[in-house]
Protein backbone atom coordinates (compact mmCIF):
# COMPACT_ATOMS: atom_id res chain seq x y z
CA MET A 1 24.48 4.85 32.34
CA PRO A 2 26.02 9.04 31.95
CA SER A 3 24.03 11.60 30.30
CA THR A 4 23.87 12.27 26.72
CA LEU A 5 23.64 15.85 27.62
CA SER A 6 27.61 16.28 28.85
CA THR A 7 29.01 14.43 25.89
CA LEU A 8 26.87 16.40 23.13
CA CYS A 9 27.83 19.44 24.60
CA LEU A 10 31.13 18.89 24.92
CA VAL A 11 31.04 17.25 21.40
CA ALA A 12 28.89 20.52 20.02
CA LEU A 13 31.23 22.66 20.96
CA ALA A 14 34.43 20.71 19.68
CA ALA A 15 32.67 20.31 16.15
CA PRO A 16 31.75 22.96 13.93
CA ALA A 17 28.52 22.40 12.68
CA LEU A 18 27.99 21.67 8.70
CA ALA A 19 24.94 23.39 6.96
CA LEU A 20 23.24 21.57 3.93
CA PRO A 21 23.49 21.24 1.60
CA SER A 22 27.21 20.74 1.26
CA HIS A 23 27.05 17.54 -1.70
CA GLY A 24 27.09 20.51 -4.39
CA GLY A 25 24.02 22.62 -5.92
CA PRO A 26 20.92 21.00 -6.34
CA GLY A 27 20.23 19.03 -9.73
CA LYS A 28 16.98 19.50 -12.31
CA ASP A 29 14.66 22.17 -12.28
CA GLN A 30 11.97 20.00 -10.28
CA SER A 31 8.52 23.15 -11.52
CA GLY A 32 9.74 25.78 -8.74
CA ILE A 33 11.11 23.18 -5.96
CA LYS A 34 14.28 24.57 -3.82
CA PRO A 35 16.04 23.25 -1.01
CA ILE A 36 14.78 24.31 2.53
CA LYS A 37 16.74 25.94 4.76
CA ARG A 38 14.74 27.41 6.55
CA ILE A 39 13.05 24.58 8.83
CA GLN A 40 9.77 24.56 10.23
CA LEU A 41 8.98 21.93 13.17
CA GLY A 42 5.33 22.68 14.53
CA PRO A 43 3.81 21.54 17.27
CA ARG A 44 4.48 18.55 18.25
CA PRO A 45 8.55 18.39 19.66
CA TYR A 46 7.73 21.51 21.55
CA TRP A 47 4.13 19.30 23.25
CA LEU A 48 6.65 15.48 23.48
CA ILE A 49 8.86 17.93 25.40
CA ASP A 50 6.23 18.87 27.51
CA GLN A 51 5.12 15.68 28.94
CA MET A 52 8.40 14.69 30.03
CA GLU A 53 9.38 14.36 34.08
CA ASP A 54 11.90 17.32 34.70
CA SER A 55 15.38 16.28 34.20
CA PRO A 56 18.41 17.50 33.63
CA LEU A 57 17.55 16.60 29.68
CA LYS A 58 13.66 17.79 29.61
CA THR A 59 16.00 21.44 30.57
CA LYS A 60 17.72 21.04 28.16
CA LEU A 61 15.55 20.24 25.30
CA GLN A 62 13.08 23.52 26.79
CA SER A 63 16.32 25.65 26.34
CA CYS A 64 16.43 24.79 22.37
CA SER A 65 13.10 26.31 21.75
CA GLU A 66 13.57 29.80 20.75
CA LYS A 67 16.76 27.93 18.90
CA GLU A 68 16.71 28.43 14.96
CA MET A 69 16.04 25.47 13.06
CA ARG A 70 18.41 24.06 10.73
CA PRO A 71 18.06 20.71 8.44
CA SER A 72 20.15 17.79 9.62
CA ARG A 73 21.53 14.57 8.21
CA TRP A 74 20.82 12.62 11.63
CA SER A 75 17.23 12.57 10.70
CA ILE A 76 16.12 10.68 8.12
CA GLY A 77 12.85 11.22 6.79
CA HIS A 78 11.29 7.38 6.76
CA ARG A 79 8.83 6.91 3.46
CA GLY A 80 9.74 10.56 3.46
CA GLY A 81 9.24 11.66 6.68
CA GLY A 82 6.06 13.59 6.69
CA THR A 83 4.61 9.64 7.27
CA LEU A 84 2.44 10.49 10.35
CA GLN A 85 -0.34 12.86 8.17
CA PHE A 86 0.94 12.53 4.18
CA PRO A 87 0.85 9.05 2.36
CA GLU A 88 3.70 7.06 2.27
CA GLU A 89 6.23 7.88 -0.36
CA THR A 90 5.35 10.65 -2.33
CA GLU A 91 6.03 13.90 -2.98
CA ALA A 92 4.08 15.38 -0.38
CA SER A 93 5.61 13.74 2.31
CA ILE A 94 9.02 13.79 0.98
CA MET A 95 7.90 17.65 1.34
CA ALA A 96 6.92 17.80 4.72
CA GLY A 97 9.92 15.70 5.69
CA THR A 98 12.07 18.11 4.59
CA ARG A 99 10.23 20.79 5.90
CA MET A 100 10.85 19.42 8.95
CA GLY A 101 14.88 19.16 8.48
CA ALA A 102 15.14 16.04 7.51
CA GLY A 103 18.36 16.07 5.72
CA ILE A 104 18.47 12.48 4.34
CA GLU A 105 15.35 10.88 2.44
CA GLU A 106 14.42 7.75 1.60
CA CYS A 107 12.06 6.02 -1.28
CA ASP A 108 11.35 2.15 -0.64
CA VAL A 109 12.31 0.25 -4.87
CA THR A 110 10.47 -2.23 -5.74
CA PHE A 111 9.74 -2.58 -9.72
CA THR A 112 7.19 -3.51 -12.42
CA SER A 113 5.57 -6.05 -14.72
CA ASP A 114 7.91 -4.54 -17.07
CA GLN A 115 11.16 -4.47 -14.91
CA GLN A 116 11.59 -0.50 -13.72
CA LEU A 117 11.62 0.83 -10.43
CA ILE A 118 9.22 2.52 -8.54
CA CYS A 119 8.74 3.80 -4.77
CA ARG A 120 6.71 1.81 -1.99
CA HIS A 121 7.90 0.38 0.61
CA SER A 122 7.06 -3.26 0.45
CA GLN A 123 5.88 -5.29 -3.31
CA CYS A 124 2.95 -5.81 -2.39
CA ASP A 125 1.24 -2.91 -0.77
CA LEU A 126 -0.97 -1.23 -3.41
CA HIS A 127 -3.93 -2.53 -2.12
CA THR A 128 -3.51 -0.65 1.13
CA THR A 129 -1.62 2.38 0.23
CA THR A 130 -3.13 3.53 -2.63
CA ASN A 131 -7.27 3.79 -4.25
CA ILE A 132 -5.66 0.94 -6.67
CA LEU A 133 -8.73 -1.41 -6.02
CA THR A 134 -11.35 1.49 -6.90
CA ILE A 135 -9.95 1.22 -10.32
CA PRO A 136 -11.79 -2.22 -12.29
CA SER A 137 -9.78 -2.60 -15.14
CA LEU A 138 -7.05 -2.04 -12.76
CA ALA A 139 -8.18 -4.43 -9.99
CA ALA A 140 -8.68 -7.21 -12.06
CA LYS A 141 -4.60 -7.04 -12.34
CA CYS A 142 -4.06 -7.77 -8.57
CA THR A 143 -2.28 -11.17 -7.26
CA VAL A 144 -5.41 -11.84 -4.98
CA PRO A 145 -9.10 -9.91 -6.41
CA PHE A 146 -10.75 -7.77 -3.45
CA THR A 147 -12.74 -10.15 -1.26
CA PRO A 148 -15.35 -8.91 1.46
CA TYR A 149 -16.26 -9.50 4.31
CA ASN A 150 -18.07 -12.20 5.81
CA ALA A 151 -20.48 -11.58 7.83
CA THR A 152 -21.51 -15.27 8.76
CA THR A 153 -17.65 -16.78 8.85
CA LYS A 154 -15.78 -13.33 9.90
CA GLN A 155 -13.93 -14.26 7.30
CA SER A 156 -12.11 -10.47 6.99
CA ALA A 157 -12.03 -8.51 3.34
CA THR A 158 -8.72 -9.53 1.41
CA ALA A 159 -6.68 -8.32 -1.70
CA LYS A 160 -3.14 -8.02 -3.40
CA CYS A 161 -1.85 -5.89 -5.08
CA CYS A 162 1.91 -5.59 -6.52
CA THR A 163 3.75 -3.06 -8.04
CA SER A 164 4.87 -6.71 -10.33
CA ASP A 165 0.99 -7.18 -11.38
CA PHE A 166 1.13 -4.10 -13.30
CA THR A 167 3.73 -1.60 -15.95
CA LEU A 168 5.08 1.27 -14.85
CA ALA A 169 2.82 4.29 -17.42
CA GLU A 170 -0.07 1.88 -15.14
CA LEU A 171 0.99 2.66 -12.62
CA THR A 172 1.91 6.02 -12.78
CA GLU A 173 -0.24 7.18 -15.97
CA THR A 174 -4.19 5.85 -15.13
CA LYS A 175 -6.04 9.05 -14.31
CA GLY A 176 -7.65 8.72 -10.76
CA LEU A 177 -4.85 6.44 -9.71
CA CYS A 178 -3.38 8.44 -5.87
CA SER A 179 -1.31 7.34 -3.37
CA LYS A 180 -3.44 7.10 0.10
CA MET A 181 -2.83 6.77 3.72
CA ASP A 182 -1.63 3.26 4.50
CA SER A 183 -4.79 1.37 5.91
CA SER A 184 -7.90 -1.20 5.40
CA ASN A 185 -11.53 -1.91 6.81
CA PRO A 186 -11.48 -5.91 6.96
CA GLN A 187 -15.19 -5.51 7.31
CA ALA A 188 -14.76 -3.88 4.23
CA THR A 189 -18.02 -5.25 1.97
CA THR A 190 -16.88 -3.23 -0.65
CA PRO A 191 -13.64 -2.51 -2.52
CA GLU A 192 -15.00 1.51 -1.55
CA GLU A 193 -15.56 0.96 2.25
CA TYR A 194 -11.79 -1.21 2.07
CA GLN A 195 -10.06 1.95 1.76
CA GLY A 196 -11.06 3.65 5.47
CA GLY A 197 -9.22 2.13 8.42
CA VAL A 198 -6.52 5.04 9.06
CA PRO A 199 -5.11 4.97 12.83
CA GLY A 200 -6.90 6.95 15.59
CA TYR A 201 -3.09 8.66 15.36
CA ARG A 202 -3.25 9.10 12.09
CA THR A 203 -5.51 11.73 9.63
CA THR A 204 -5.99 12.02 6.51
CA LEU A 205 -6.56 15.72 6.10
CA TYR A 206 -3.85 15.79 3.49
CA SER A 207 -4.97 12.58 1.39
CA GLY A 208 -9.08 14.29 0.99
CA PRO A 209 -10.91 14.33 -1.75
CA GLY A 210 -10.01 16.77 -4.20
CA THR A 211 -6.24 15.93 -3.56
CA CYS A 212 -4.24 12.91 -5.67
CA HIS A 213 -0.76 11.83 -4.70
CA LYS A 214 0.69 9.88 -7.50
CA LEU A 215 3.55 7.38 -7.83
CA LEU A 216 6.92 8.30 -7.58
CA THR A 217 9.03 6.55 -9.94
CA VAL A 218 12.81 6.22 -8.71
CA LYS A 219 13.68 8.58 -11.25
CA GLU A 220 11.22 10.96 -9.97
CA TYR A 221 12.90 10.40 -5.99
CA ILE A 222 16.32 11.05 -7.30
CA ALA A 223 15.35 14.32 -9.64
CA LEU A 224 13.40 15.83 -6.41
CA VAL A 225 15.79 15.09 -3.73
CA ASP A 226 18.83 15.56 -5.52
CA THR A 227 16.74 19.43 -5.96
CA LEU A 228 16.14 19.76 -2.67
CA GLY A 229 20.18 19.91 -2.12
CA LEU A 230 19.35 15.90 0.73
CA ASP A 231 21.22 12.79 0.61
CA PHE A 232 19.01 9.79 0.09
CA THR A 233 18.28 6.79 1.60
CA PRO A 234 17.04 3.90 -0.86
CA GLU A 235 15.49 0.46 0.25
CA LEU A 236 16.27 -2.17 -2.52
CA LYS A 237 12.38 -4.04 -1.18
CA THR A 238 12.92 -7.90 -1.08
CA PRO A 239 10.67 -9.66 -3.70
CA GLU A 240 7.93 -10.67 -2.85
CA VAL A 241 8.08 -12.64 -6.61
CA LYS A 242 10.51 -14.75 -6.98
CA MET A 243 13.63 -14.14 -8.83
CA PRO A 244 14.31 -14.33 -11.46
CA PHE A 245 11.59 -11.57 -12.98
CA GLY A 246 10.14 -11.34 -15.97
CA SER A 247 12.99 -12.45 -17.89
CA ALA A 248 16.26 -14.62 -17.05
CA ASN A 249 18.84 -12.12 -16.83
CA PHE A 250 16.46 -9.86 -14.07
CA THR A 251 18.27 -11.59 -11.35
CA GLN A 252 18.79 -10.69 -7.35
CA GLU A 253 21.83 -8.83 -8.65
CA ALA A 254 19.93 -6.88 -11.42
CA PHE A 255 17.71 -5.92 -9.48
CA ALA A 256 20.12 -4.77 -6.80
CA GLN A 257 22.80 -3.06 -10.05
CA GLN A 258 19.73 -0.87 -11.39
CA LEU A 259 19.11 1.24 -8.41
CA ILE A 260 22.88 2.18 -8.58
CA ASP A 261 22.72 2.38 -12.13
CA GLU A 262 20.44 5.08 -11.42
CA PHE A 263 22.16 6.85 -9.64
CA LYS A 264 24.87 6.74 -12.02
CA GLU A 265 22.61 8.20 -14.90
CA ALA A 266 21.48 11.24 -12.62
CA GLU A 267 25.29 11.69 -11.98
CA ILE A 268 24.96 11.73 -8.25
CA ASN A 269 28.24 11.66 -6.37
CA PRO A 270 28.34 7.98 -3.70
CA LYS A 271 28.53 9.95 -0.72
CA ARG A 272 25.47 11.00 -0.80
CA VAL A 273 24.25 7.74 -1.50
CA TRP A 274 22.88 5.93 1.72
CA LEU A 275 22.11 2.10 -0.34
CA GLN A 276 19.50 -0.09 2.34
CA SER A 277 18.55 -3.95 2.65
CA PHE A 278 16.91 -6.58 4.27
CA LEU A 279 18.72 -9.45 2.59
CA TYR A 280 22.42 -9.51 2.96
CA ASP A 281 23.95 -10.70 -0.18
CA ASP A 282 22.35 -7.27 -1.24
CA VAL A 283 25.02 -5.40 1.23
CA LEU A 284 28.05 -8.22 -0.07
CA TYR A 285 26.76 -8.13 -3.55
CA TRP A 286 27.13 -3.92 -3.32
CA LEU A 287 30.50 -4.58 -1.80
CA ARG A 288 31.41 -6.52 -3.81
CA ALA A 289 30.66 -4.35 -7.17
CA GLU A 290 30.13 -1.15 -6.33
CA PRO A 291 33.04 -0.66 -4.25
CA GLU A 292 32.51 3.35 -3.90
CA PHE A 293 28.31 3.03 -3.64
CA ALA A 294 28.91 0.40 -0.82
CA LYS A 295 31.18 2.11 2.01
CA GLN A 296 28.06 4.11 3.14
CA ALA A 297 25.74 0.72 2.46
CA ILE A 298 23.25 0.30 5.20
CA LEU A 299 22.69 -4.14 6.17
CA LEU A 300 19.08 -3.56 7.69
CA ASP A 301 19.42 -6.04 11.20
CA GLN A 302 15.59 -7.51 11.75
CA SER A 303 16.79 -10.86 13.10
CA GLY A 304 16.69 -10.34 16.75
CA ASP A 305 12.99 -9.64 16.83
CA ALA A 306 11.63 -12.90 19.65
CA PRO A 307 13.56 -12.70 22.87
CA SER A 308 15.30 -15.54 22.30
CA THR A 309 17.03 -14.68 18.74
CA ILE A 310 18.71 -11.33 20.21
CA SER A 311 21.85 -13.29 21.14
CA ALA A 312 22.01 -15.10 17.92
CA ALA A 313 21.18 -11.26 15.90
CA THR A 314 24.35 -9.36 18.35
CA ALA A 315 26.35 -13.37 18.00
CA SER A 316 26.40 -11.57 14.17
CA LEU A 317 27.45 -8.55 14.03
CA THR A 318 31.04 -10.27 14.57
CA LYS A 319 30.86 -12.36 10.80
CA TYR A 320 29.25 -8.53 9.55
CA ALA A 321 32.47 -6.37 10.90
CA GLN A 322 34.72 -9.36 9.51
CA ASP A 323 32.83 -8.99 5.45
CA GLY A 324 33.26 -5.24 5.54
CA VAL A 325 29.86 -3.73 6.39
CA GLN A 326 30.13 -0.57 7.23
CA ILE A 327 26.50 -0.18 8.80
CA VAL A 328 24.00 -2.17 10.35
CA ALA A 329 20.41 -0.29 11.20
CA PRO A 330 18.63 -2.00 13.48
CA PRO A 331 14.78 -1.29 14.32
CA LEU A 332 14.92 1.07 17.86
CA GLU A 333 14.25 -1.40 20.97
CA TYR A 334 17.27 -3.14 19.77
CA LEU A 335 19.62 -0.46 20.78
CA VAL A 336 17.89 -0.51 24.22
CA SER A 337 16.85 -1.84 26.69
CA THR A 338 16.07 -0.74 30.51
CA ALA A 339 18.05 -0.37 34.34
CA THR A 340 15.91 0.59 37.84
CA ASP A 341 18.23 3.27 39.37
CA LYS A 342 19.36 3.78 43.27
CA ASP A 343 15.61 5.28 43.60
CA GLY A 344 13.63 2.69 42.71
CA LYS A 345 13.39 4.76 39.14
CA VAL A 346 13.36 2.34 35.93
CA LYS A 347 16.03 4.31 33.02
CA VAL A 348 16.54 3.98 29.12
CA VAL A 349 19.72 2.15 28.85
CA ALA A 350 21.90 1.00 25.69
CA SER A 351 21.23 -2.68 25.42
CA GLU A 352 24.08 -5.45 25.13
CA TYR A 353 23.59 -5.13 20.90
CA ALA A 354 24.48 -1.23 21.17
CA LYS A 355 27.24 -2.58 22.60
CA GLN A 356 28.44 -4.63 20.82
CA ALA A 357 27.81 -2.91 17.50
CA LYS A 358 29.81 0.18 19.00
CA LYS A 359 32.75 -2.06 20.65
CA LEU A 360 33.30 -3.49 16.85
CA GLY A 361 33.61 -0.15 15.03
CA LEU A 362 30.00 -0.61 13.79
CA LYS A 363 28.58 2.74 13.13
CA VAL A 364 24.86 1.64 14.01
CA ILE A 365 21.09 3.56 12.07
CA SER A 366 17.76 3.40 13.77
CA TRP A 367 14.16 3.03 12.44
CA SER A 368 11.30 4.09 13.38
CA LEU A 369 10.72 7.11 15.34
CA GLU A 370 6.82 8.46 15.65
CA ARG A 371 5.29 4.94 14.01
CA SER A 372 3.64 3.80 17.10
CA GLY A 373 0.99 5.95 17.91
CA TRP A 374 0.39 6.37 21.84
CA LEU A 375 2.85 5.32 24.34
CA ALA A 376 0.49 5.32 27.12
CA ASP A 377 -1.83 3.54 25.65
CA SER A 378 -2.09 -0.51 27.06
CA THR A 379 0.19 -1.16 23.97
CA LYS A 380 2.08 0.32 25.80
CA GLY A 381 4.30 1.04 22.08
CA GLY A 382 3.99 -1.66 20.60
CA TYR A 383 7.18 -3.21 18.57
CA TYR A 384 9.85 -0.20 18.82
CA TYR A 385 9.10 0.14 22.18
CA SER A 386 9.21 -2.92 23.28
CA THR A 387 12.54 -3.48 25.12
CA ILE A 388 11.28 -0.69 27.50
CA ALA A 389 7.57 -0.88 27.55
CA ASN A 390 7.92 -0.77 31.23
CA ALA A 391 9.27 3.25 30.63
CA THR A 392 6.91 3.57 28.76
CA ALA A 393 3.97 2.29 30.74
CA ALA A 394 5.45 4.27 33.78
CA ARG A 395 5.82 7.54 31.29
CA GLY A 396 4.56 7.60 28.75
CA GLU A 397 4.64 10.61 25.49
CA GLY A 398 7.33 11.77 27.82
CA VAL A 399 9.86 8.42 27.03
CA VAL A 400 10.23 10.16 23.04
CA PHE A 401 13.26 11.96 23.76
CA GLU A 402 14.79 9.93 26.45
CA LEU A 403 14.83 7.11 23.83
CA LEU A 404 16.50 9.72 21.44
CA ASP A 405 18.90 10.68 24.42
CA VAL A 406 20.38 6.54 24.78
CA LEU A 407 21.00 6.99 21.05
CA ALA A 408 22.69 9.48 20.49
CA SER A 409 24.99 8.66 24.11
CA LYS A 410 28.60 7.76 23.46
CA GLU A 411 27.29 3.83 24.34
CA VAL A 412 25.61 3.39 21.77
CA GLY A 413 26.62 6.73 19.71
CA ALA A 414 23.66 6.48 16.37
CA ILE A 415 24.71 8.17 13.35
CA ALA A 416 21.08 8.81 12.05
CA VAL A 417 17.52 8.39 12.93
CA PHE A 418 14.79 7.45 10.52
CA SER A 419 11.41 9.00 11.60
CA ASP A 420 7.79 8.74 10.33
CA TRP A 421 7.31 12.98 11.27
CA SER A 422 11.15 13.74 11.15
CA ALA A 423 10.17 16.98 13.47
CA THR A 424 11.34 15.34 16.21
CA VAL A 425 14.22 14.05 15.55
CA SER A 426 15.25 17.02 13.66
CA TYR A 427 14.68 19.49 17.03
CA TYR A 428 17.18 16.90 19.21
CA ALA A 429 19.35 16.70 16.69
CA ASN A 430 20.30 20.77 16.53
CA CYS A 431 19.53 21.01 20.43
CA PHE A 432 22.66 19.11 20.53
CA GLY A 433 24.60 19.95 17.87
CA LEU A 434 24.00 16.96 15.68
CA PHE A 435 24.94 17.96 12.09
CA PRO A 436 27.13 14.61 10.46
């Protein structure tokens, strides 16, 4: 496959770089927060480059090591973009991702029992992403109360706490309720022990004793990101409760509309909003009811996870394009495959899914870099690297930038990439002049 190096160098020379923010001034004052113009990438991108085998790509990336870096909308903060080390869906994660150059910030949107919108990656993840089980008055309201590990039966500890179990006030005003790193201890015998289990490649350094990361409402997310001068990408989470919920009026379409109404209330330009949903009907509703916001609506596609279903997922792209969808966002592994060159080296290349999306004129965004832990261990990167596991087995962490290079290539043409640690994508974007 042709190297992205030559392709993107020409693109960068032809198109002027756009500095962020470019959609007008920031909104309400957020406790002294203002746009971050001088970003800080830290050591990780440089370390990943050091892990690469010698190649023209590595040489190019090394040549950018002293470059002054700027924010880029090619870099999307997944769950905030500081998720590798900060509790997800929090102001701290968003600030970390922004300081590392994310030009678009995400909030996953779900609802409370009083039908208010709040940022959580799943409607029912409070038992693993917050300390809610350690607060008896709230734990008692969880859909599934905490059940300790049973040493006799070897049954794991369980619990299930949903945003829809609580009012917005309970989730934002209860003293001591804090977000934490997403984890649980399956052998816990107490709610306190259940808080553990953080993977070794993450950290509790920024969520230890004396810190409390509050849950963000969607209104707070909008105000924060607006003040930072960035773009927004809210994902309408698929409800885990039956819809309509609470009243006959709170239907799935009402939920989808409420999200847009909150952006309208804040007077946000639709050009700054990149709506997302896995539910096709949500995207079709936005196309029909809110065409200005729907111009950048993203259909998240996870329909081809099994080898036996990726062909059908690829075929479905034709229907999406015919129905007016502009952007599809599959996971990383849908867009890449491997091929062996004449020297016997396994190379990362564009997949048939990626080629078909390109052929149909669909724009592509992908998720989620820096979510997989170690690439050189027995998992070979797990889910997100499943279609290029033979490459990660051969070259471990050095494959990360190879993957990004293929995503940015003319064969795929990704317009942005979600990452749990924004610095890595931001480094690549700056090195190759990707400032969409």
